[in-house]
Amino acid sequence: LIGIDTSLQGLRHIKQTLSDASIVPICMNANALAFSIESFDLITISNSIHHFNNYTNILDKMVTTLKSDGHILINEMVSDKQTETQMTHVLLHHWWGEIDTECGIVHHPTFSQQNLIEMNEHALLKTIDVQEITNLDENPTDTETIDYL
């Protein structure tokens, strides 16, 4: 397993937290992925999309490092279809984003589910499987698979 992040502190934390796992932490910017074409069977990105100014370019680079039968798993908080409690967290996250932005840190408001789907359509992903999880202790409450030709 390879984990990339721009933060050395974050990578150290992951290595300490998951010390039994065989994870290779690499400090790297997603804008400059230094991996060969078709290197990975699975690429995951978690709660990061709203921290990129050029998400579509980064996704394009990710796709080139993916094997032809590989998969991309995107985990991202969305701003719509939320319970009242979840919406409180979304609004708080947006407030943090405004503070980060004022400090020169890229932190956009979270996207809607439809925004995320539209951002990923251009990458020729054949199927986008959308799962809404309202409580992490429960199974997904609704699953919708959208096929693109």
N, C-alpha and C. Protein backbone atom coordinates (compact mmCIF):
# COMPACT_ATOMS: atom_id res chain seq x y z
N LEU A 1 0.84 -1.18 0.00
CA LEU A 1 0.00 0.00 0.00
C LEU A 1 0.88 1.24 0.00
N ILE A 2 0.48 2.21 -0.77
CA ILE A 2 1.18 3.48 -0.83
C ILE A 2 0.21 4.57 -0.42
N GLY A 3 0.64 5.42 0.48
CA GLY A 3 -0.18 6.56 0.90
C GLY A 3 0.56 7.84 0.59
N ILE A 4 -0.09 8.75 -0.12
CA ILE A 4 0.57 10.02 -0.41
C ILE A 4 -0.19 11.15 0.27
N ASP A 5 0.58 12.16 0.64
CA ASP A 5 0.02 13.37 1.23
C ASP A 5 1.09 14.45 1.11
N THR A 6 0.68 15.68 1.18
CA THR A 6 1.66 16.77 1.14
C THR A 6 2.20 17.08 2.53
N SER A 7 1.62 16.50 3.55
CA SER A 7 2.00 16.78 4.93
C SER A 7 2.86 15.65 5.50
N LEU A 8 4.11 15.95 5.82
CA LEU A 8 4.97 14.96 6.48
C LEU A 8 4.41 14.57 7.84
N GLN A 9 3.85 15.54 8.55
CA GLN A 9 3.27 15.27 9.86
C GLN A 9 2.11 14.28 9.74
N GLY A 10 1.26 14.49 8.74
CA GLY A 10 0.14 13.57 8.52
C GLY A 10 0.61 12.17 8.16
N LEU A 11 1.64 12.07 7.33
CA LEU A 11 2.18 10.76 6.95
C LEU A 11 2.81 10.05 8.15
N ARG A 12 3.50 10.80 9.01
CA ARG A 12 4.08 10.20 10.23
C ARG A 12 2.97 9.66 11.12
N HIS A 13 1.89 10.43 11.25
CA HIS A 13 0.77 10.00 12.08
C HIS A 13 0.17 8.70 11.55
N ILE A 14 0.00 8.61 10.25
CA ILE A 14 -0.58 7.39 9.66
C ILE A 14 0.35 6.21 9.88
N LYS A 15 1.63 6.41 9.69
CA LYS A 15 2.59 5.33 9.89
C LYS A 15 2.58 4.85 11.34
N GLN A 16 2.44 5.77 12.29
CA GLN A 16 2.39 5.39 13.71
C GLN A 16 1.07 4.70 14.04
N THR A 17 -0.02 5.24 13.52
CA THR A 17 -1.35 4.69 13.81
C THR A 17 -1.51 3.30 13.21
N LEU A 18 -0.98 3.11 12.02
CA LEU A 18 -1.11 1.83 11.32
C LEU A 18 0.25 1.14 11.22
N SER A 19 0.96 1.08 12.34
CA SER A 19 2.32 0.56 12.34
C SER A 19 2.41 -0.90 11.91
N ASP A 20 1.34 -1.67 12.10
CA ASP A 20 1.36 -3.08 11.70
C ASP A 20 1.09 -3.27 10.22
N ALA A 21 0.55 -2.26 9.56
CA ALA A 21 0.23 -2.37 8.14
C ALA A 21 1.47 -2.07 7.31
N SER A 22 1.53 -2.67 6.15
CA SER A 22 2.67 -2.42 5.25
C SER A 22 2.34 -1.26 4.33
N ILE A 23 2.40 -0.06 4.91
CA ILE A 23 2.09 1.16 4.16
C ILE A 23 3.39 1.91 3.90
N VAL A 24 3.57 2.32 2.66
CA VAL A 24 4.72 3.14 2.29
C VAL A 24 4.21 4.58 2.18
N PRO A 25 4.54 5.43 3.17
CA PRO A 25 4.10 6.82 3.11
C PRO A 25 5.04 7.64 2.22
N ILE A 26 4.48 8.39 1.30
CA ILE A 26 5.27 9.21 0.38
C ILE A 26 4.72 10.63 0.42
N CYS A 27 5.62 11.58 0.65
CA CYS A 27 5.24 12.99 0.61
C CYS A 27 5.26 13.42 -0.85
N MET A 28 4.08 13.68 -1.39
CA MET A 28 3.96 14.00 -2.81
C MET A 28 2.72 14.84 -3.04
N ASN A 29 2.78 15.72 -3.99
CA ASN A 29 1.65 16.55 -4.37
C ASN A 29 0.87 15.82 -5.46
N ALA A 30 -0.44 15.76 -5.32
CA ALA A 30 -1.27 15.07 -6.30
C ALA A 30 -1.18 15.71 -7.69
N ASN A 31 -0.75 16.96 -7.76
CA ASN A 31 -0.57 17.61 -9.06
C ASN A 31 0.63 17.07 -9.82
N ALA A 32 1.51 16.37 -9.12
CA ALA A 32 2.74 15.86 -9.75
C ALA A 32 2.96 14.41 -9.35
N LEU A 33 2.00 13.57 -9.66
CA LEU A 33 2.14 12.15 -9.32
C LEU A 33 3.32 11.55 -10.07
N ALA A 34 4.20 10.90 -9.34
CA ALA A 34 5.42 10.35 -9.94
C ALA A 34 5.33 8.83 -10.03
N PHE A 35 4.24 8.34 -10.56
CA PHE A 35 4.05 6.90 -10.72
C PHE A 35 3.93 6.57 -12.20
N SER A 36 4.33 5.36 -12.55
CA SER A 36 4.26 4.92 -13.94
C SER A 36 2.82 4.73 -14.39
N ILE A 37 2.62 4.75 -15.69
CA ILE A 37 1.30 4.48 -16.27
C ILE A 37 0.89 3.06 -15.89
N GLU A 38 -0.37 2.89 -15.54
CA GLU A 38 -0.96 1.60 -15.17
C GLU A 38 -0.21 0.91 -14.03
N SER A 39 0.02 1.65 -12.95
CA SER A 39 0.72 1.12 -11.78
C SER A 39 -0.21 0.47 -10.75
N PHE A 40 -1.47 0.93 -10.69
CA PHE A 40 -2.32 0.55 -9.57
C PHE A 40 -3.60 -0.15 -9.99
N ASP A 41 -4.01 -1.12 -9.14
CA ASP A 41 -5.30 -1.79 -9.30
C ASP A 41 -6.42 -0.96 -8.69
N LEU A 42 -6.10 -0.27 -7.61
CA LEU A 42 -7.08 0.53 -6.88
C LEU A 42 -6.43 1.83 -6.43
N ILE A 43 -7.14 2.92 -6.65
CA ILE A 43 -6.72 4.23 -6.16
C ILE A 43 -7.87 4.77 -5.33
N THR A 44 -7.57 5.25 -4.14
CA THR A 44 -8.60 5.85 -3.31
C THR A 44 -8.23 7.30 -3.02
N ILE A 45 -9.25 8.10 -2.85
CA ILE A 45 -9.07 9.49 -2.44
C ILE A 45 -10.18 9.77 -1.44
N SER A 46 -9.80 10.29 -0.30
CA SER A 46 -10.77 10.44 0.77
C SER A 46 -10.76 11.87 1.33
N ASN A 47 -11.92 12.49 1.29
CA ASN A 47 -12.13 13.82 1.86
C ASN A 47 -11.07 14.82 1.45
N SER A 48 -10.74 14.81 0.17
CA SER A 48 -9.68 15.68 -0.34
C SER A 48 -10.10 16.54 -1.51
N ILE A 49 -11.12 16.14 -2.23
CA ILE A 49 -11.48 16.81 -3.47
C ILE A 49 -11.71 18.30 -3.26
N HIS A 50 -12.36 18.65 -2.17
CA HIS A 50 -12.64 20.07 -1.92
C HIS A 50 -11.40 20.84 -1.48
N HIS A 51 -10.25 20.18 -1.41
CA HIS A 51 -8.98 20.85 -1.09
C HIS A 51 -8.12 21.08 -2.34
N PHE A 52 -8.66 20.77 -3.52
CA PHE A 52 -7.91 20.94 -4.77
C PHE A 52 -8.53 22.04 -5.61
N ASN A 53 -7.69 22.89 -6.19
CA ASN A 53 -8.18 23.89 -7.14
C ASN A 53 -8.40 23.28 -8.51
N ASN A 54 -7.71 22.21 -8.82
CA ASN A 54 -7.77 21.63 -10.15
C ASN A 54 -8.06 20.13 -10.08
N TYR A 55 -9.17 19.81 -9.47
CA TYR A 55 -9.53 18.41 -9.26
C TYR A 55 -9.55 17.60 -10.56
N THR A 56 -10.06 18.15 -11.64
CA THR A 56 -10.16 17.37 -12.88
C THR A 56 -8.78 17.00 -13.41
N ASN A 57 -7.79 17.90 -13.29
CA ASN A 57 -6.43 17.55 -13.71
C ASN A 57 -5.86 16.43 -12.84
N ILE A 58 -6.11 16.50 -11.55
CA ILE A 58 -5.62 15.47 -10.63
C ILE A 58 -6.28 14.13 -10.94
N LEU A 59 -7.59 14.13 -11.19
CA LEU A 59 -8.27 12.89 -11.54
C LEU A 59 -7.71 12.32 -12.84
N ASP A 60 -7.45 13.16 -13.81
CA ASP A 60 -6.84 12.69 -15.07
C ASP A 60 -5.50 12.00 -14.80
N LYS A 61 -4.68 12.58 -13.93
CA LYS A 61 -3.38 11.96 -13.59
C LYS A 61 -3.58 10.65 -12.85
N MET A 62 -4.57 10.60 -11.97
CA MET A 62 -4.86 9.36 -11.26
C MET A 62 -5.27 8.26 -12.25
N VAL A 63 -6.12 8.61 -13.20
CA VAL A 63 -6.59 7.63 -14.18
C VAL A 63 -5.43 7.06 -14.98
N THR A 64 -4.43 7.87 -15.31
CA THR A 64 -3.30 7.35 -16.10
C THR A 64 -2.47 6.35 -15.31
N THR A 65 -2.46 6.45 -13.98
CA THR A 65 -1.69 5.50 -13.18
C THR A 65 -2.50 4.25 -12.84
N LEU A 66 -3.75 4.22 -13.25
CA LEU A 66 -4.65 3.11 -12.97
C LEU A 66 -4.57 2.05 -14.06
N LYS A 67 -4.52 0.78 -13.66
CA LYS A 67 -4.54 -0.31 -14.64
C LYS A 67 -5.87 -0.29 -15.37
N SER A 68 -5.91 -0.86 -16.56
CA SER A 68 -7.12 -0.78 -17.41
C SER A 68 -8.34 -1.39 -16.73
N ASP A 69 -8.16 -2.38 -15.87
CA ASP A 69 -9.29 -2.99 -15.17
C ASP A 69 -9.36 -2.53 -13.71
N GLY A 70 -8.68 -1.41 -13.41
CA GLY A 70 -8.63 -0.91 -12.04
C GLY A 70 -9.85 -0.09 -11.66
N HIS A 71 -9.85 0.33 -10.41
CA HIS A 71 -10.98 1.07 -9.85
C HIS A 71 -10.48 2.29 -9.08
N ILE A 72 -11.30 3.32 -9.06
CA ILE A 72 -11.05 4.50 -8.24
C ILE A 72 -12.18 4.59 -7.22
N LEU A 73 -11.83 4.68 -5.96
CA LEU A 73 -12.80 4.80 -4.88
C LEU A 73 -12.68 6.21 -4.31
N ILE A 74 -13.77 6.96 -4.39
CA ILE A 74 -13.79 8.34 -3.90
C ILE A 74 -14.72 8.41 -2.69
N ASN A 75 -14.17 8.85 -1.57
CA ASN A 75 -14.95 9.06 -0.36
C ASN A 75 -14.94 10.56 -0.09
N GLU A 76 -16.10 11.18 -0.16
CA GLU A 76 -16.15 12.63 -0.01
C GLU A 76 -17.47 13.02 0.65
N MET A 77 -17.37 13.89 1.64
CA MET A 77 -18.58 14.43 2.26
C MET A 77 -19.30 15.30 1.23
N VAL A 78 -20.60 15.24 1.21
CA VAL A 78 -21.38 16.07 0.28
C VAL A 78 -22.23 17.05 1.08
N SER A 79 -22.68 18.09 0.39
CA SER A 79 -23.42 19.16 1.07
C SER A 79 -24.93 19.01 0.95
N ASP A 80 -25.39 18.00 0.23
CA ASP A 80 -26.84 17.83 0.09
C ASP A 80 -27.27 16.47 0.65
N LYS A 81 -28.57 16.31 0.78
CA LYS A 81 -29.19 15.09 1.29
C LYS A 81 -28.67 14.72 2.69
N GLN A 82 -28.51 15.72 3.54
CA GLN A 82 -27.97 15.51 4.87
C GLN A 82 -29.07 15.61 5.92
N THR A 83 -28.88 14.89 7.02
CA THR A 83 -29.76 15.05 8.17
C THR A 83 -29.44 16.39 8.83
N GLU A 84 -30.25 16.81 9.77
CA GLU A 84 -29.99 18.08 10.45
C GLU A 84 -28.64 18.06 11.15
N THR A 85 -28.31 16.96 11.81
CA THR A 85 -27.02 16.84 12.51
C THR A 85 -25.87 16.88 11.51
N GLN A 86 -26.00 16.16 10.41
CA GLN A 86 -24.94 16.17 9.40
C GLN A 86 -24.79 17.56 8.79
N MET A 87 -25.90 18.25 8.58
CA MET A 87 -25.84 19.58 7.98
C MET A 87 -25.11 20.55 8.90
N THR A 88 -25.25 20.37 10.22
CA THR A 88 -24.49 21.18 11.16
C THR A 88 -23.00 20.99 10.93
N HIS A 89 -22.58 19.75 10.72
CA HIS A 89 -21.17 19.47 10.45
C HIS A 89 -20.74 20.08 9.11
N VAL A 90 -21.58 19.99 8.10
CA VAL A 90 -21.27 20.57 6.79
C VAL A 90 -21.06 22.08 6.93
N LEU A 91 -21.98 22.75 7.63
CA LEU A 91 -21.86 24.20 7.81
C LEU A 91 -20.61 24.57 8.61
N LEU A 92 -20.29 23.78 9.62
CA LEU A 92 -19.07 24.01 10.38
C LEU A 92 -17.84 23.81 9.49
N HIS A 93 -17.87 22.79 8.66
CA HIS A 93 -16.77 22.53 7.73
C HIS A 93 -16.61 23.68 6.74
N HIS A 94 -17.71 24.23 6.27
CA HIS A 94 -17.65 25.38 5.37
C HIS A 94 -17.03 26.59 6.07
N TRP A 95 -17.37 26.77 7.35
CA TRP A 95 -16.79 27.86 8.12
C TRP A 95 -15.27 27.67 8.24
N TRP A 96 -14.82 26.42 8.54
CA TRP A 96 -13.39 26.14 8.59
C TRP A 96 -12.74 26.44 7.23
N GLY A 97 -13.47 26.09 6.17
CA GLY A 97 -12.96 26.36 4.82
C GLY A 97 -12.75 27.84 4.57
N GLU A 98 -13.67 28.66 5.06
CA GLU A 98 -13.52 30.11 4.89
C GLU A 98 -12.29 30.61 5.64
N ILE A 99 -12.06 30.09 6.83
CA ILE A 99 -10.88 30.49 7.61
C ILE A 99 -9.61 30.04 6.87
N ASP A 100 -9.58 28.76 6.42
CA ASP A 100 -8.42 28.28 5.67
C ASP A 100 -8.16 29.14 4.44
N THR A 101 -9.21 29.46 3.71
CA THR A 101 -9.07 30.26 2.49
C THR A 101 -8.47 31.63 2.81
N GLU A 102 -8.92 32.25 3.89
CA GLU A 102 -8.36 33.54 4.31
C GLU A 102 -6.88 33.41 4.66
N CYS A 103 -6.46 32.21 5.10
CA CYS A 103 -5.05 31.96 5.46
C CYS A 103 -4.24 31.46 4.27
N GLY A 104 -4.86 31.42 3.08
CA GLY A 104 -4.14 31.00 1.89
C GLY A 104 -4.11 29.50 1.66
N ILE A 105 -4.96 28.76 2.36
CA ILE A 105 -5.04 27.30 2.21
C ILE A 105 -6.25 26.98 1.33
N VAL A 106 -6.06 26.14 0.32
CA VAL A 106 -7.17 25.76 -0.56
C VAL A 106 -8.16 24.91 0.23
N HIS A 107 -9.37 25.38 0.35
CA HIS A 107 -10.41 24.65 1.08
C HIS A 107 -11.77 25.17 0.61
N HIS A 108 -12.28 24.54 -0.44
CA HIS A 108 -13.57 24.93 -1.00
C HIS A 108 -14.70 24.35 -0.15
N PRO A 109 -15.90 24.93 -0.26
CA PRO A 109 -17.06 24.29 0.36
C PRO A 109 -17.25 22.89 -0.22
N THR A 110 -17.86 22.01 0.54
CA THR A 110 -18.12 20.66 0.03
C THR A 110 -19.07 20.74 -1.15
N PHE A 111 -18.95 19.78 -2.04
CA PHE A 111 -19.74 19.75 -3.26
C PHE A 111 -21.05 19.00 -3.04
N SER A 112 -21.99 19.22 -3.93
CA SER A 112 -23.20 18.40 -3.92
C SER A 112 -22.86 17.06 -4.57
N GLN A 113 -23.70 16.09 -4.33
CA GLN A 113 -23.51 14.76 -4.94
C GLN A 113 -23.47 14.88 -6.46
N GLN A 114 -24.35 15.67 -7.03
CA GLN A 114 -24.39 15.84 -8.49
C GLN A 114 -23.13 16.51 -9.01
N ASN A 115 -22.59 17.50 -8.27
CA ASN A 115 -21.32 18.13 -8.66
C ASN A 115 -20.21 17.10 -8.77
N LEU A 116 -20.13 16.20 -7.79
CA LEU A 116 -19.09 15.16 -7.80
C LEU A 116 -19.25 14.22 -8.99
N ILE A 117 -20.48 13.85 -9.28
CA ILE A 117 -20.74 12.96 -10.43
C ILE A 117 -20.31 13.66 -11.71
N GLU A 118 -20.69 14.92 -11.87
CA GLU A 118 -20.33 15.66 -13.09
C GLU A 118 -18.82 15.83 -13.22
N MET A 119 -18.12 16.05 -12.10
CA MET A 119 -16.67 16.20 -12.15
C MET A 119 -15.99 14.91 -12.62
N ASN A 120 -16.60 13.78 -12.33
CA ASN A 120 -15.98 12.51 -12.66
C ASN A 120 -16.40 11.96 -14.02
N GLU A 121 -17.43 12.51 -14.62
CA GLU A 121 -17.89 12.02 -15.92
C GLU A 121 -16.82 12.12 -17.00
N HIS A 122 -16.06 13.19 -17.01
CA HIS A 122 -15.08 13.42 -18.06
C HIS A 122 -13.96 12.38 -18.06
N ALA A 123 -13.75 11.69 -16.94
CA ALA A 123 -12.65 10.73 -16.82
C ALA A 123 -13.00 9.38 -17.44
N LEU A 124 -14.12 9.30 -18.13
CA LEU A 124 -14.56 8.08 -18.79
C LEU A 124 -14.78 6.94 -17.82
N LEU A 125 -15.18 7.28 -16.61
CA LEU A 125 -15.54 6.24 -15.66
C LEU A 125 -16.85 5.64 -16.13
N LYS A 126 -16.89 4.35 -16.34
CA LYS A 126 -18.08 3.72 -16.91
C LYS A 126 -19.23 3.65 -15.92
N THR A 127 -18.93 3.41 -14.65
CA THR A 127 -19.97 3.31 -13.65
C THR A 127 -19.58 4.11 -12.42
N ILE A 128 -20.49 4.90 -11.96
CA ILE A 128 -20.29 5.60 -10.70
C ILE A 128 -21.31 5.02 -9.73
N ASP A 129 -20.83 4.44 -8.65
CA ASP A 129 -21.68 3.83 -7.64
C ASP A 129 -21.76 4.80 -6.47
N VAL A 130 -22.91 5.39 -6.26
CA VAL A 130 -23.09 6.39 -5.22
C VAL A 130 -23.73 5.72 -4.02
N GLN A 131 -23.08 5.83 -2.87
CA GLN A 131 -23.63 5.28 -1.64
C GLN A 131 -23.74 6.39 -0.62
N GLU A 132 -24.92 6.52 -0.07
CA GLU A 132 -25.16 7.52 0.96
C GLU A 132 -25.12 6.83 2.31
N ILE A 133 -24.26 7.29 3.18
CA ILE A 133 -24.15 6.70 4.51
C ILE A 133 -24.58 7.76 5.51
N THR A 134 -25.68 7.51 6.22
CA THR A 134 -26.17 8.49 7.16
C THR A 134 -25.62 8.28 8.55
N ASN A 135 -25.20 7.05 8.86
CA ASN A 135 -24.62 6.74 10.16
C ASN A 135 -23.57 5.67 9.94
N LEU A 136 -22.35 5.93 10.36
CA LEU A 136 -21.27 5.00 10.10
C LEU A 136 -21.47 3.65 10.78
N ASP A 137 -22.37 3.57 11.76
CA ASP A 137 -22.64 2.31 12.43
C ASP A 137 -23.66 1.47 11.69
N GLU A 138 -24.23 2.01 10.64
CA GLU A 138 -25.25 1.31 9.88
C GLU A 138 -24.75 1.01 8.48
N ASN A 139 -25.47 0.15 7.78
CA ASN A 139 -25.18 -0.10 6.37
C ASN A 139 -25.64 1.09 5.55
N PRO A 140 -25.10 1.26 4.34
CA PRO A 140 -25.59 2.37 3.50
C PRO A 140 -27.11 2.30 3.38
N THR A 141 -27.75 3.47 3.46
CA THR A 141 -29.21 3.51 3.43
C THR A 141 -29.75 3.53 2.02
N ASP A 142 -28.93 3.94 1.07
CA ASP A 142 -29.42 4.04 -0.30
C ASP A 142 -28.24 3.89 -1.23
N THR A 143 -28.38 3.04 -2.20
CA THR A 143 -27.32 2.87 -3.18
C THR A 143 -27.91 3.07 -4.57
N GLU A 144 -27.26 3.89 -5.35
CA GLU A 144 -27.72 4.15 -6.71
C GLU A 144 -26.53 3.98 -7.63
N THR A 145 -26.67 3.16 -8.64
CA THR A 145 -25.61 3.00 -9.61
C THR A 145 -26.01 3.70 -10.88
N ILE A 146 -25.11 4.54 -11.39
CA ILE A 146 -25.39 5.32 -12.57
C ILE A 146 -24.44 4.85 -13.66
N ASP A 147 -24.96 4.33 -14.76
CA ASP A 147 -24.13 3.86 -15.85
C ASP A 147 -23.99 4.94 -16.90
N TYR A 148 -22.75 5.16 -17.33
CA TYR A 148 -22.48 6.10 -18.40
C TYR A 148 -21.94 5.32 -19.58
N LEU A 149 -22.42 5.61 -20.75
CA LEU A 149 -21.95 4.89 -21.95
C LEU A 149 -20.82 5.62 -22.61
